[in-house]
N, C-alpha and C. Protein backbone atom coordinates (compact mmCIF):
# COMPACT_ATOMS: atom_id res chain seq x y z
N MET A 1 -22.74 -42.97 -11.50
CA MET A 1 -23.25 -43.03 -10.15
C MET A 1 -24.57 -42.29 -10.08
N LYS A 2 -25.63 -42.95 -9.72
CA LYS A 2 -26.95 -42.33 -9.64
C LYS A 2 -27.19 -41.83 -8.22
N THR A 3 -27.92 -40.70 -8.17
CA THR A 3 -28.31 -40.18 -6.86
C THR A 3 -29.82 -40.34 -6.74
N SER A 4 -30.28 -40.44 -5.51
CA SER A 4 -31.72 -40.57 -5.31
C SER A 4 -32.39 -39.24 -5.64
N PRO A 5 -33.64 -39.26 -6.07
CA PRO A 5 -34.31 -38.02 -6.44
C PRO A 5 -34.48 -37.04 -5.29
N THR A 6 -34.47 -37.51 -4.04
CA THR A 6 -34.65 -36.61 -2.90
C THR A 6 -33.34 -36.03 -2.41
N ALA A 7 -32.20 -36.64 -2.74
CA ALA A 7 -30.91 -36.15 -2.27
C ALA A 7 -30.49 -34.94 -3.10
N PRO A 8 -30.01 -33.87 -2.43
CA PRO A 8 -29.56 -32.71 -3.20
C PRO A 8 -28.28 -33.07 -3.96
N PRO A 9 -28.07 -32.46 -5.12
CA PRO A 9 -26.88 -32.76 -5.89
C PRO A 9 -25.63 -32.36 -5.12
N ALA A 10 -24.54 -33.02 -5.41
CA ALA A 10 -23.28 -32.73 -4.74
C ALA A 10 -22.80 -31.32 -5.11
N LEU A 11 -22.02 -30.73 -4.23
CA LEU A 11 -21.47 -29.40 -4.50
C LEU A 11 -20.38 -29.48 -5.56
N THR A 12 -20.27 -28.44 -6.36
CA THR A 12 -19.18 -28.36 -7.32
C THR A 12 -17.90 -28.01 -6.57
N ARG A 13 -16.78 -28.10 -7.25
CA ARG A 13 -15.49 -27.78 -6.64
C ARG A 13 -15.48 -26.32 -6.17
N ARG A 14 -15.99 -25.40 -6.99
CA ARG A 14 -16.00 -23.99 -6.64
C ARG A 14 -16.96 -23.71 -5.46
N GLN A 15 -18.10 -24.38 -5.45
CA GLN A 15 -19.03 -24.20 -4.33
C GLN A 15 -18.40 -24.70 -3.03
N ARG A 16 -17.69 -25.82 -3.09
CA ARG A 16 -16.99 -26.31 -1.90
C ARG A 16 -15.94 -25.31 -1.44
N ALA A 17 -15.24 -24.69 -2.41
CA ALA A 17 -14.20 -23.71 -2.07
C ALA A 17 -14.83 -22.47 -1.42
N VAL A 18 -15.97 -22.01 -1.95
CA VAL A 18 -16.66 -20.86 -1.36
C VAL A 18 -17.12 -21.21 0.05
N LEU A 19 -17.72 -22.38 0.23
CA LEU A 19 -18.19 -22.80 1.55
C LEU A 19 -17.03 -22.91 2.53
N GLN A 20 -15.91 -23.46 2.09
CA GLN A 20 -14.73 -23.58 2.96
C GLN A 20 -14.19 -22.20 3.34
N PHE A 21 -14.18 -21.26 2.38
CA PHE A 21 -13.72 -19.91 2.69
C PHE A 21 -14.63 -19.25 3.72
N ILE A 22 -15.93 -19.41 3.55
CA ILE A 22 -16.88 -18.83 4.52
C ILE A 22 -16.64 -19.42 5.90
N ARG A 23 -16.50 -20.75 5.97
CA ARG A 23 -16.28 -21.43 7.24
C ARG A 23 -14.97 -20.94 7.89
N THR A 24 -13.90 -20.86 7.11
CA THR A 24 -12.61 -20.42 7.63
C THR A 24 -12.67 -18.97 8.10
N HIS A 25 -13.33 -18.12 7.33
CA HIS A 25 -13.45 -16.70 7.69
C HIS A 25 -14.20 -16.55 9.01
N ILE A 26 -15.28 -17.29 9.18
CA ILE A 26 -16.04 -17.22 10.43
C ILE A 26 -15.21 -17.74 11.60
N ASP A 27 -14.47 -18.84 11.39
CA ASP A 27 -13.62 -19.37 12.45
C ASP A 27 -12.53 -18.37 12.84
N ARG A 28 -11.94 -17.71 11.84
CA ARG A 28 -10.83 -16.80 12.10
C ARG A 28 -11.30 -15.44 12.62
N GLU A 29 -12.33 -14.86 12.00
CA GLU A 29 -12.75 -13.50 12.32
C GLU A 29 -13.93 -13.42 13.29
N GLY A 30 -14.74 -14.46 13.33
CA GLY A 30 -15.91 -14.45 14.20
C GLY A 30 -17.17 -13.94 13.53
N TYR A 31 -17.08 -13.56 12.26
CA TYR A 31 -18.23 -13.09 11.50
C TYR A 31 -18.04 -13.49 10.04
N PRO A 32 -19.14 -13.56 9.28
CA PRO A 32 -19.03 -14.02 7.90
C PRO A 32 -18.42 -12.97 6.97
N PRO A 33 -17.88 -13.41 5.84
CA PRO A 33 -17.31 -12.46 4.87
C PRO A 33 -18.39 -11.76 4.06
N THR A 34 -18.03 -10.64 3.46
CA THR A 34 -18.92 -9.96 2.53
C THR A 34 -18.81 -10.64 1.16
N VAL A 35 -19.73 -10.33 0.29
CA VAL A 35 -19.69 -10.86 -1.08
C VAL A 35 -18.39 -10.42 -1.74
N ARG A 36 -17.98 -9.19 -1.52
CA ARG A 36 -16.74 -8.68 -2.11
C ARG A 36 -15.52 -9.46 -1.60
N GLU A 37 -15.49 -9.76 -0.31
CA GLU A 37 -14.36 -10.53 0.24
C GLU A 37 -14.32 -11.93 -0.36
N ILE A 38 -15.47 -12.54 -0.55
CA ILE A 38 -15.52 -13.86 -1.18
C ILE A 38 -15.00 -13.76 -2.61
N GLY A 39 -15.45 -12.72 -3.33
CA GLY A 39 -14.99 -12.52 -4.70
C GLY A 39 -13.49 -12.31 -4.79
N ASP A 40 -12.94 -11.51 -3.88
CA ASP A 40 -11.49 -11.29 -3.87
C ASP A 40 -10.74 -12.59 -3.63
N HIS A 41 -11.22 -13.38 -2.70
CA HIS A 41 -10.55 -14.65 -2.38
C HIS A 41 -10.65 -15.64 -3.54
N MET A 42 -11.81 -15.68 -4.18
CA MET A 42 -12.04 -16.64 -5.26
C MET A 42 -11.61 -16.11 -6.63
N HIS A 43 -11.13 -14.87 -6.68
CA HIS A 43 -10.72 -14.23 -7.94
C HIS A 43 -11.88 -14.14 -8.92
N ILE A 44 -13.04 -13.77 -8.39
CA ILE A 44 -14.23 -13.56 -9.21
C ILE A 44 -14.58 -12.08 -9.09
N ARG A 45 -14.55 -11.36 -10.20
CA ARG A 45 -14.79 -9.91 -10.16
C ARG A 45 -16.25 -9.55 -10.01
N SER A 46 -17.12 -10.34 -10.60
CA SER A 46 -18.54 -9.99 -10.62
C SER A 46 -19.24 -10.45 -9.35
N PRO A 47 -19.90 -9.53 -8.64
CA PRO A 47 -20.69 -9.94 -7.47
C PRO A 47 -21.78 -10.95 -7.85
N ASN A 48 -22.28 -10.84 -9.08
CA ASN A 48 -23.31 -11.78 -9.53
C ASN A 48 -22.77 -13.21 -9.58
N GLY A 49 -21.50 -13.37 -9.93
CA GLY A 49 -20.89 -14.70 -9.94
C GLY A 49 -20.88 -15.31 -8.55
N ILE A 50 -20.56 -14.50 -7.55
CA ILE A 50 -20.57 -14.98 -6.17
C ILE A 50 -21.99 -15.26 -5.72
N MET A 51 -22.92 -14.38 -6.09
CA MET A 51 -24.32 -14.58 -5.69
C MET A 51 -24.86 -15.91 -6.23
N CYS A 52 -24.44 -16.30 -7.42
CA CYS A 52 -24.88 -17.59 -7.97
C CYS A 52 -24.38 -18.75 -7.11
N HIS A 53 -23.13 -18.67 -6.66
CA HIS A 53 -22.60 -19.71 -5.77
C HIS A 53 -23.34 -19.71 -4.44
N LEU A 54 -23.61 -18.52 -3.89
CA LEU A 54 -24.33 -18.43 -2.62
C LEU A 54 -25.75 -18.97 -2.73
N LYS A 55 -26.42 -18.67 -3.84
CA LYS A 55 -27.78 -19.20 -4.05
C LYS A 55 -27.76 -20.71 -4.13
N ALA A 56 -26.75 -21.27 -4.81
CA ALA A 56 -26.64 -22.73 -4.91
C ALA A 56 -26.40 -23.34 -3.54
N LEU A 57 -25.52 -22.72 -2.74
CA LEU A 57 -25.26 -23.24 -1.39
C LEU A 57 -26.51 -23.14 -0.51
N GLU A 58 -27.26 -22.07 -0.70
CA GLU A 58 -28.50 -21.91 0.06
C GLU A 58 -29.54 -22.96 -0.37
N ASN A 59 -29.65 -23.19 -1.66
CA ASN A 59 -30.60 -24.20 -2.16
C ASN A 59 -30.25 -25.61 -1.70
N ARG A 60 -28.96 -25.86 -1.47
CA ARG A 60 -28.52 -27.18 -1.02
C ARG A 60 -28.51 -27.30 0.50
N GLY A 61 -28.94 -26.25 1.19
CA GLY A 61 -29.06 -26.31 2.64
C GLY A 61 -27.76 -26.16 3.39
N LYS A 62 -26.74 -25.61 2.76
CA LYS A 62 -25.45 -25.44 3.42
C LYS A 62 -25.36 -24.11 4.17
N ILE A 63 -26.05 -23.07 3.66
CA ILE A 63 -26.05 -21.76 4.28
C ILE A 63 -27.46 -21.20 4.28
N THR A 64 -27.66 -20.18 5.11
CA THR A 64 -28.87 -19.36 5.04
C THR A 64 -28.40 -17.92 4.93
N ARG A 65 -29.23 -17.08 4.32
CA ARG A 65 -28.85 -15.67 4.14
C ARG A 65 -30.04 -14.78 4.45
N THR A 66 -29.73 -13.60 4.98
CA THR A 66 -30.71 -12.54 5.12
C THR A 66 -30.43 -11.60 3.95
N HIS A 67 -31.39 -11.44 3.06
CA HIS A 67 -31.17 -10.67 1.86
C HIS A 67 -31.11 -9.17 2.16
N ASN A 68 -30.36 -8.45 1.35
CA ASN A 68 -30.18 -6.99 1.47
C ASN A 68 -29.55 -6.60 2.80
N CYS A 69 -28.67 -7.42 3.30
CA CYS A 69 -28.00 -7.14 4.56
C CYS A 69 -26.55 -7.61 4.44
N SER A 70 -25.61 -6.78 4.85
CA SER A 70 -24.20 -7.13 4.74
C SER A 70 -23.82 -8.20 5.77
N ARG A 71 -22.94 -9.09 5.40
CA ARG A 71 -22.43 -10.16 6.27
C ARG A 71 -23.56 -11.00 6.86
N ALA A 72 -24.55 -11.31 6.04
CA ALA A 72 -25.74 -12.01 6.52
C ALA A 72 -25.73 -13.49 6.16
N ILE A 73 -24.56 -14.07 5.97
CA ILE A 73 -24.45 -15.49 5.64
C ILE A 73 -24.30 -16.26 6.94
N ARG A 74 -25.07 -17.31 7.10
CA ARG A 74 -24.98 -18.19 8.27
C ARG A 74 -24.82 -19.62 7.78
N LEU A 75 -23.89 -20.33 8.38
CA LEU A 75 -23.72 -21.74 8.06
C LEU A 75 -24.81 -22.53 8.75
N CYS A 76 -25.28 -23.57 8.08
CA CYS A 76 -26.33 -24.40 8.69
C CYS A 76 -25.77 -25.31 9.77
N GLU A 77 -24.48 -25.65 9.68
CA GLU A 77 -23.86 -26.41 10.75
C GLU A 77 -22.92 -25.47 11.50
N PRO A 78 -22.82 -25.57 12.81
CA PRO A 78 -22.00 -24.63 13.57
C PRO A 78 -20.52 -24.80 13.27
N THR A 79 -19.79 -23.69 13.33
CA THR A 79 -18.34 -23.74 13.18
C THR A 79 -17.70 -23.97 14.54
N ARG A 80 -16.41 -24.23 14.57
CA ARG A 80 -15.71 -24.41 15.84
C ARG A 80 -15.83 -23.17 16.70
N LYS A 81 -15.66 -22.00 16.08
CA LYS A 81 -15.70 -20.77 16.84
C LYS A 81 -17.10 -20.50 17.39
N GLU A 82 -18.13 -20.79 16.62
CA GLU A 82 -19.49 -20.56 17.09
C GLU A 82 -19.82 -21.42 18.30
N THR A 83 -19.28 -22.60 18.38
CA THR A 83 -19.57 -23.46 19.52
C THR A 83 -18.81 -23.02 20.76
N ASN A 84 -17.72 -22.23 20.61
CA ASN A 84 -16.91 -21.81 21.73
C ASN A 84 -17.11 -20.35 22.14
N VAL A 85 -17.94 -19.61 21.42
CA VAL A 85 -18.11 -18.18 21.68
C VAL A 85 -19.12 -17.96 22.79
N THR A 86 -18.77 -17.07 23.70
CA THR A 86 -19.71 -16.69 24.76
C THR A 86 -20.32 -15.35 24.43
N ARG A 87 -21.42 -15.04 25.08
CA ARG A 87 -22.11 -13.77 24.82
C ARG A 87 -21.19 -12.59 25.14
N GLY A 88 -20.44 -12.67 26.22
CA GLY A 88 -19.55 -11.58 26.61
C GLY A 88 -18.48 -11.32 25.56
N SER A 89 -17.93 -12.37 24.97
CA SER A 89 -16.88 -12.16 23.97
C SER A 89 -17.45 -11.52 22.72
N ILE A 90 -18.70 -11.82 22.37
CA ILE A 90 -19.33 -11.19 21.21
C ILE A 90 -19.53 -9.71 21.48
N GLU A 91 -20.00 -9.37 22.68
CA GLU A 91 -20.22 -7.97 23.01
C GLU A 91 -18.91 -7.19 23.05
N ARG A 92 -17.84 -7.78 23.59
CA ARG A 92 -16.54 -7.11 23.61
C ARG A 92 -16.02 -6.88 22.20
N ARG A 93 -16.14 -7.91 21.35
CA ARG A 93 -15.68 -7.79 19.97
C ARG A 93 -16.48 -6.73 19.22
N THR A 94 -17.79 -6.69 19.46
CA THR A 94 -18.65 -5.70 18.81
C THR A 94 -18.29 -4.30 19.29
N ALA A 95 -18.04 -4.15 20.58
CA ALA A 95 -17.67 -2.83 21.11
C ALA A 95 -16.36 -2.35 20.49
N ARG A 96 -15.37 -3.24 20.35
CA ARG A 96 -14.10 -2.85 19.72
C ARG A 96 -14.31 -2.46 18.27
N LEU A 97 -15.15 -3.19 17.56
CA LEU A 97 -15.44 -2.89 16.17
C LEU A 97 -16.12 -1.53 16.04
N LEU A 98 -17.09 -1.25 16.91
CA LEU A 98 -17.79 0.02 16.85
C LEU A 98 -16.87 1.19 17.16
N GLU A 99 -15.92 1.01 18.08
CA GLU A 99 -14.98 2.08 18.41
C GLU A 99 -14.11 2.44 17.21
N SER A 100 -13.85 1.47 16.34
CA SER A 100 -12.96 1.71 15.20
C SER A 100 -13.69 2.27 13.98
N MET A 101 -15.01 2.34 14.03
CA MET A 101 -15.79 2.78 12.87
C MET A 101 -16.00 4.29 12.88
N SER A 102 -16.12 4.87 11.69
CA SER A 102 -16.39 6.30 11.56
C SER A 102 -17.88 6.55 11.80
N VAL A 103 -18.25 7.82 11.96
CA VAL A 103 -19.65 8.19 12.20
C VAL A 103 -20.52 7.76 11.02
N VAL A 104 -20.04 7.96 9.80
CA VAL A 104 -20.82 7.59 8.62
C VAL A 104 -21.05 6.08 8.59
N GLN A 105 -20.03 5.31 8.90
CA GLN A 105 -20.17 3.85 8.94
C GLN A 105 -21.16 3.44 10.02
N LEU A 106 -21.09 4.09 11.17
CA LEU A 106 -22.00 3.76 12.26
C LEU A 106 -23.45 4.07 11.90
N ARG A 107 -23.68 5.20 11.23
CA ARG A 107 -25.05 5.53 10.81
C ARG A 107 -25.61 4.46 9.89
N GLY A 108 -24.80 4.00 8.94
CA GLY A 108 -25.25 2.94 8.04
C GLY A 108 -25.51 1.64 8.77
N LEU A 109 -24.66 1.35 9.75
CA LEU A 109 -24.81 0.11 10.51
C LEU A 109 -26.06 0.14 11.38
N VAL A 110 -26.29 1.27 12.03
CA VAL A 110 -27.42 1.37 12.96
C VAL A 110 -28.74 1.20 12.22
N THR A 111 -28.80 1.63 10.97
CA THR A 111 -30.06 1.47 10.23
C THR A 111 -30.37 0.00 9.98
N GLU A 112 -29.37 -0.86 10.06
CA GLU A 112 -29.58 -2.28 9.81
C GLU A 112 -29.79 -3.08 11.10
N ILE A 113 -29.64 -2.44 12.22
CA ILE A 113 -29.73 -3.15 13.50
C ILE A 113 -31.05 -2.79 14.17
N ASP A 114 -31.70 -3.78 14.73
CA ASP A 114 -32.97 -3.48 15.40
C ASP A 114 -32.72 -2.77 16.73
N ARG A 115 -33.76 -2.21 17.33
CA ARG A 115 -33.62 -1.38 18.53
C ARG A 115 -33.05 -2.15 19.72
N ARG A 116 -33.47 -3.38 19.90
CA ARG A 116 -32.97 -4.14 21.05
C ARG A 116 -31.47 -4.33 20.96
N THR A 117 -30.99 -4.68 19.79
CA THR A 117 -29.55 -4.89 19.62
C THR A 117 -28.80 -3.58 19.79
N ALA A 118 -29.34 -2.50 19.26
CA ALA A 118 -28.69 -1.20 19.41
C ALA A 118 -28.58 -0.81 20.87
N ASN A 119 -29.63 -1.03 21.65
CA ASN A 119 -29.58 -0.71 23.08
C ASN A 119 -28.55 -1.57 23.79
N ARG A 120 -28.47 -2.84 23.44
CA ARG A 120 -27.48 -3.73 24.05
C ARG A 120 -26.06 -3.27 23.73
N LEU A 121 -25.84 -2.81 22.49
CA LEU A 121 -24.52 -2.34 22.10
C LEU A 121 -24.16 -1.04 22.83
N LYS A 122 -25.14 -0.15 23.02
CA LYS A 122 -24.88 1.08 23.75
C LYS A 122 -24.44 0.77 25.18
N LYS A 123 -25.10 -0.19 25.81
CA LYS A 123 -24.71 -0.56 27.18
C LYS A 123 -23.31 -1.16 27.21
N ALA A 124 -22.94 -1.92 26.18
CA ALA A 124 -21.61 -2.53 26.13
C ALA A 124 -20.53 -1.47 25.95
N LEU A 125 -20.85 -0.37 25.30
CA LEU A 125 -19.87 0.69 25.07
C LEU A 125 -19.64 1.57 26.30
N LYS A 126 -20.55 1.54 27.28
CA LYS A 126 -20.42 2.39 28.47
C LYS A 126 -19.36 1.91 29.40
């Protein structure tokens, strides 16, 4: 079976499994998995092995990523949960998550969040 030169190659079985796990995790939890969570699910010990799958998915236009940032995987097509989420539910979920985090975790998180988002989260916690 020949493919046209402009069409991206089909996903491998493992890439489809990684993409399905990411989609399911976002639908269930409301946020993307970490590289470690993907590795645990796929039984791949090396983060580099997962990164290769993520790079392939990114090259094929299935996901986008913000590099050097935790949980920065975004699907190019919306998930069921993303289409049904309201701004208020995101802020409530974020506030609950922040309440459960330690001070050290919060310091690390705040360094990754821009000022506007941090101010919005502070207002949600009041």
